[in-house]
């Protein structure tokens, strides 16, 4: 699942978002995700928050067993491609 989410977000938000880490927790057959992402240092905070909200929606729509997604933003870090 982590690989699919990483690829999905990288293709939906090219150049704006790199998935650094995905942590999943299972609770009674449902999944809660914590997704840590890097964004370009010059992105405005409101734009970063909007992208994070859209990313959450994409994940929730794509996976019926995911009930919660928390995106953690790492702003001000240079984006480097992370291979998962």
N, C-alpha and C. Protein backbone atom coordinates (compact mmCIF):
# COMPACT_ATOMS: atom_id res chain seq x y z
N UNK A 1 0.82 -1.19 0.00
CA UNK A 1 0.00 0.00 0.00
C UNK A 1 0.87 1.26 0.00
N UNK A 2 1.96 1.26 0.78
CA UNK A 2 2.82 2.44 0.85
C UNK A 2 3.40 2.81 -0.51
N UNK A 3 3.82 1.79 -1.26
CA UNK A 3 4.38 2.04 -2.59
C UNK A 3 3.33 2.66 -3.52
N UNK A 4 2.13 2.15 -3.48
CA UNK A 4 1.05 2.65 -4.33
C UNK A 4 0.72 4.10 -3.97
N UNK A 5 0.63 4.39 -2.68
CA UNK A 5 0.32 5.76 -2.24
C UNK A 5 1.43 6.72 -2.65
N UNK A 6 2.68 6.31 -2.46
CA UNK A 6 3.80 7.15 -2.83
C UNK A 6 3.77 7.48 -4.33
N UNK A 7 3.56 6.47 -5.15
CA UNK A 7 3.49 6.69 -6.60
C UNK A 7 2.29 7.55 -6.98
N UNK A 8 1.15 7.30 -6.35
CA UNK A 8 -0.06 8.06 -6.66
C UNK A 8 0.14 9.54 -6.35
N UNK A 9 0.67 9.85 -5.19
CA UNK A 9 0.86 11.25 -4.81
C UNK A 9 1.94 11.92 -5.65
N UNK A 10 3.00 11.19 -5.96
CA UNK A 10 4.06 11.76 -6.80
C UNK A 10 3.55 12.10 -8.19
N UNK A 11 2.64 11.28 -8.72
CA UNK A 11 2.11 11.56 -10.06
C UNK A 11 1.03 12.63 -10.02
N UNK A 12 0.26 12.70 -8.93
CA UNK A 12 -0.79 13.72 -8.81
C UNK A 12 -0.23 15.11 -8.55
N UNK A 13 0.90 15.19 -7.85
CA UNK A 13 1.48 16.47 -7.45
C UNK A 13 2.96 16.52 -7.82
N UNK A 14 3.29 16.35 -9.11
CA UNK A 14 4.71 16.32 -9.50
C UNK A 14 5.42 17.64 -9.20
N UNK A 15 6.58 17.53 -8.60
CA UNK A 15 7.38 18.71 -8.30
C UNK A 15 6.94 19.46 -7.06
N UNK A 16 5.75 19.15 -6.52
CA UNK A 16 5.25 19.85 -5.34
C UNK A 16 5.32 19.03 -4.07
N UNK A 17 5.55 17.73 -4.23
CA UNK A 17 5.42 16.87 -3.07
C UNK A 17 6.25 15.61 -3.26
N UNK A 18 6.99 15.25 -2.22
CA UNK A 18 7.72 13.99 -2.22
C UNK A 18 7.38 13.28 -0.92
N UNK A 19 6.95 12.05 -1.03
CA UNK A 19 6.62 11.26 0.15
C UNK A 19 7.92 10.79 0.80
N UNK A 20 8.10 11.14 2.06
CA UNK A 20 9.29 10.75 2.80
C UNK A 20 9.06 9.46 3.58
N UNK A 21 7.88 9.34 4.22
CA UNK A 21 7.61 8.19 5.07
C UNK A 21 6.10 8.00 5.19
N UNK A 22 5.68 6.75 5.22
CA UNK A 22 4.28 6.41 5.46
C UNK A 22 4.24 5.42 6.60
N UNK A 23 3.45 5.75 7.61
CA UNK A 23 3.27 4.86 8.74
C UNK A 23 1.79 4.47 8.78
N UNK A 24 1.53 3.18 8.84
CA UNK A 24 0.14 2.73 8.89
C UNK A 24 -0.14 2.03 10.22
N UNK A 25 -1.36 2.20 10.69
CA UNK A 25 -1.82 1.56 11.91
C UNK A 25 -3.14 0.88 11.58
N UNK A 26 -3.31 -0.32 12.08
CA UNK A 26 -4.54 -1.07 11.85
C UNK A 26 -5.39 -1.03 13.12
N UNK A 27 -6.68 -0.77 12.93
CA UNK A 27 -7.62 -0.72 14.04
C UNK A 27 -8.91 -1.40 13.62
N UNK A 28 -9.14 -2.60 14.10
CA UNK A 28 -10.35 -3.37 13.81
C UNK A 28 -10.58 -3.50 12.30
N UNK A 29 -9.52 -3.82 11.58
CA UNK A 29 -9.62 -4.04 10.14
C UNK A 29 -9.58 -2.77 9.29
N UNK A 30 -9.52 -1.62 9.92
CA UNK A 30 -9.42 -0.35 9.20
C UNK A 30 -8.02 0.20 9.37
N UNK A 31 -7.62 1.08 8.47
CA UNK A 31 -6.25 1.58 8.47
C UNK A 31 -6.23 3.09 8.70
N UNK A 32 -5.32 3.51 9.56
CA UNK A 32 -5.05 4.92 9.78
C UNK A 32 -3.64 5.18 9.25
N UNK A 33 -3.48 6.22 8.45
CA UNK A 33 -2.19 6.51 7.83
C UNK A 33 -1.62 7.84 8.31
N UNK A 34 -0.33 7.84 8.49
CA UNK A 34 0.42 9.07 8.74
C UNK A 34 1.42 9.18 7.59
N UNK A 35 1.32 10.25 6.83
CA UNK A 35 2.16 10.42 5.64
C UNK A 35 3.00 11.68 5.81
N UNK A 36 4.32 11.50 5.83
CA UNK A 36 5.23 12.64 5.95
C UNK A 36 5.71 13.00 4.55
N UNK A 37 5.53 14.27 4.18
CA UNK A 37 5.91 14.72 2.84
C UNK A 37 6.81 15.95 2.92
N UNK A 38 7.67 16.08 1.90
CA UNK A 38 8.48 17.28 1.73
C UNK A 38 7.89 18.10 0.60
N UNK A 39 8.00 19.40 0.75
CA UNK A 39 7.55 20.32 -0.30
C UNK A 39 8.64 21.35 -0.53
N UNK A 40 8.61 22.00 -1.69
CA UNK A 40 9.66 22.97 -2.01
C UNK A 40 9.75 24.09 -0.98
N UNK A 41 10.94 24.63 -0.76
CA UNK A 41 11.11 25.68 0.25
C UNK A 41 10.40 26.99 -0.10
N UNK A 42 10.07 27.20 -1.36
CA UNK A 42 9.44 28.46 -1.76
C UNK A 42 7.91 28.38 -1.81
N UNK A 43 7.32 27.27 -1.42
CA UNK A 43 5.87 27.13 -1.48
C UNK A 43 5.24 27.88 -0.31
N UNK A 44 4.13 28.55 -0.57
CA UNK A 44 3.41 29.24 0.48
C UNK A 44 2.72 28.22 1.38
N UNK A 45 2.63 28.54 2.66
CA UNK A 45 2.03 27.60 3.61
C UNK A 45 0.60 27.27 3.23
N UNK A 46 -0.19 28.26 2.81
CA UNK A 46 -1.58 27.98 2.44
C UNK A 46 -1.66 27.05 1.24
N UNK A 47 -0.71 27.19 0.29
CA UNK A 47 -0.69 26.30 -0.87
C UNK A 47 -0.29 24.89 -0.44
N UNK A 48 0.66 24.79 0.47
CA UNK A 48 1.08 23.48 0.98
C UNK A 48 -0.07 22.79 1.70
N UNK A 49 -0.83 23.55 2.47
CA UNK A 49 -1.97 22.98 3.19
C UNK A 49 -3.05 22.52 2.22
N UNK A 50 -3.26 23.27 1.15
CA UNK A 50 -4.25 22.88 0.15
C UNK A 50 -3.83 21.58 -0.54
N UNK A 51 -2.57 21.48 -0.90
CA UNK A 51 -2.06 20.26 -1.54
C UNK A 51 -2.21 19.08 -0.58
N UNK A 52 -1.90 19.29 0.70
CA UNK A 52 -2.02 18.22 1.70
C UNK A 52 -3.48 17.77 1.82
N UNK A 53 -4.43 18.70 1.82
CA UNK A 53 -5.85 18.34 1.89
C UNK A 53 -6.27 17.53 0.67
N UNK A 54 -5.81 17.95 -0.50
CA UNK A 54 -6.13 17.21 -1.73
C UNK A 54 -5.51 15.81 -1.69
N UNK A 55 -4.30 15.70 -1.18
CA UNK A 55 -3.64 14.40 -1.09
C UNK A 55 -4.42 13.47 -0.16
N UNK A 56 -4.89 14.00 0.97
CA UNK A 56 -5.70 13.21 1.89
C UNK A 56 -6.95 12.68 1.19
N UNK A 57 -7.63 13.55 0.45
CA UNK A 57 -8.84 13.15 -0.27
C UNK A 57 -8.55 12.05 -1.28
N UNK A 58 -7.46 12.20 -2.01
CA UNK A 58 -7.09 11.18 -3.02
C UNK A 58 -6.87 9.82 -2.36
N UNK A 59 -6.18 9.82 -1.23
CA UNK A 59 -5.92 8.55 -0.54
C UNK A 59 -7.21 7.93 -0.03
N UNK A 60 -8.06 8.74 0.60
CA UNK A 60 -9.32 8.22 1.14
C UNK A 60 -10.24 7.68 0.04
N UNK A 61 -10.23 8.33 -1.12
CA UNK A 61 -11.05 7.86 -2.25
C UNK A 61 -10.50 6.58 -2.85
N UNK A 62 -9.19 6.43 -2.83
CA UNK A 62 -8.56 5.28 -3.49
C UNK A 62 -8.61 4.00 -2.64
N UNK A 63 -8.69 4.14 -1.32
CA UNK A 63 -8.62 2.97 -0.44
C UNK A 63 -9.81 2.99 0.51
N UNK A 64 -10.73 2.07 0.31
CA UNK A 64 -11.94 2.04 1.14
C UNK A 64 -11.67 1.62 2.58
N UNK A 65 -10.56 0.93 2.83
CA UNK A 65 -10.26 0.49 4.19
C UNK A 65 -9.44 1.52 4.99
N UNK A 66 -9.09 2.64 4.37
CA UNK A 66 -8.40 3.71 5.08
C UNK A 66 -9.45 4.67 5.63
N UNK A 67 -9.46 4.85 6.94
CA UNK A 67 -10.48 5.70 7.56
C UNK A 67 -9.94 7.06 7.99
N UNK A 68 -8.61 7.18 8.08
CA UNK A 68 -8.04 8.47 8.46
C UNK A 68 -6.66 8.62 7.84
N UNK A 69 -6.39 9.84 7.36
CA UNK A 69 -5.08 10.16 6.80
C UNK A 69 -4.61 11.46 7.44
N UNK A 70 -3.39 11.44 7.93
CA UNK A 70 -2.78 12.64 8.50
C UNK A 70 -1.52 12.93 7.68
N UNK A 71 -1.51 14.08 7.01
CA UNK A 71 -0.34 14.49 6.23
C UNK A 71 0.51 15.42 7.09
N UNK A 72 1.77 15.06 7.28
CA UNK A 72 2.70 15.93 8.00
C UNK A 72 3.59 16.61 6.97
N UNK A 73 3.59 17.94 7.00
CA UNK A 73 4.35 18.72 6.03
C UNK A 73 5.74 19.03 6.54
N UNK A 74 6.71 18.84 5.67
CA UNK A 74 8.09 19.27 5.94
C UNK A 74 8.37 20.38 4.94
N UNK A 75 8.24 21.60 5.39
CA UNK A 75 8.45 22.75 4.53
C UNK A 75 9.87 23.26 4.69
N UNK A 76 10.39 23.87 3.63
CA UNK A 76 11.71 24.45 3.70
C UNK A 76 12.84 23.48 3.44
N UNK A 77 12.52 22.25 3.10
CA UNK A 77 13.54 21.26 2.76
C UNK A 77 13.57 21.10 1.25
N UNK A 78 14.74 21.02 0.70
CA UNK A 78 14.86 20.79 -0.73
C UNK A 78 14.25 19.45 -1.07
N UNK A 79 13.54 19.42 -2.19
CA UNK A 79 12.89 18.17 -2.61
C UNK A 79 13.90 17.31 -3.34
N UNK A 80 14.02 16.09 -2.85
CA UNK A 80 14.84 15.09 -3.55
C UNK A 80 13.96 13.88 -3.73
N UNK A 81 14.11 13.21 -4.83
CA UNK A 81 13.28 12.03 -5.10
C UNK A 81 13.65 10.92 -4.14
N UNK A 82 12.65 10.35 -3.53
CA UNK A 82 12.83 9.23 -2.62
C UNK A 82 12.24 8.01 -3.30
N UNK A 83 13.02 6.97 -3.39
CA UNK A 83 12.51 5.74 -4.01
C UNK A 83 11.99 4.81 -2.94
N UNK A 84 10.75 4.37 -3.13
CA UNK A 84 10.13 3.42 -2.18
C UNK A 84 9.97 2.09 -2.87
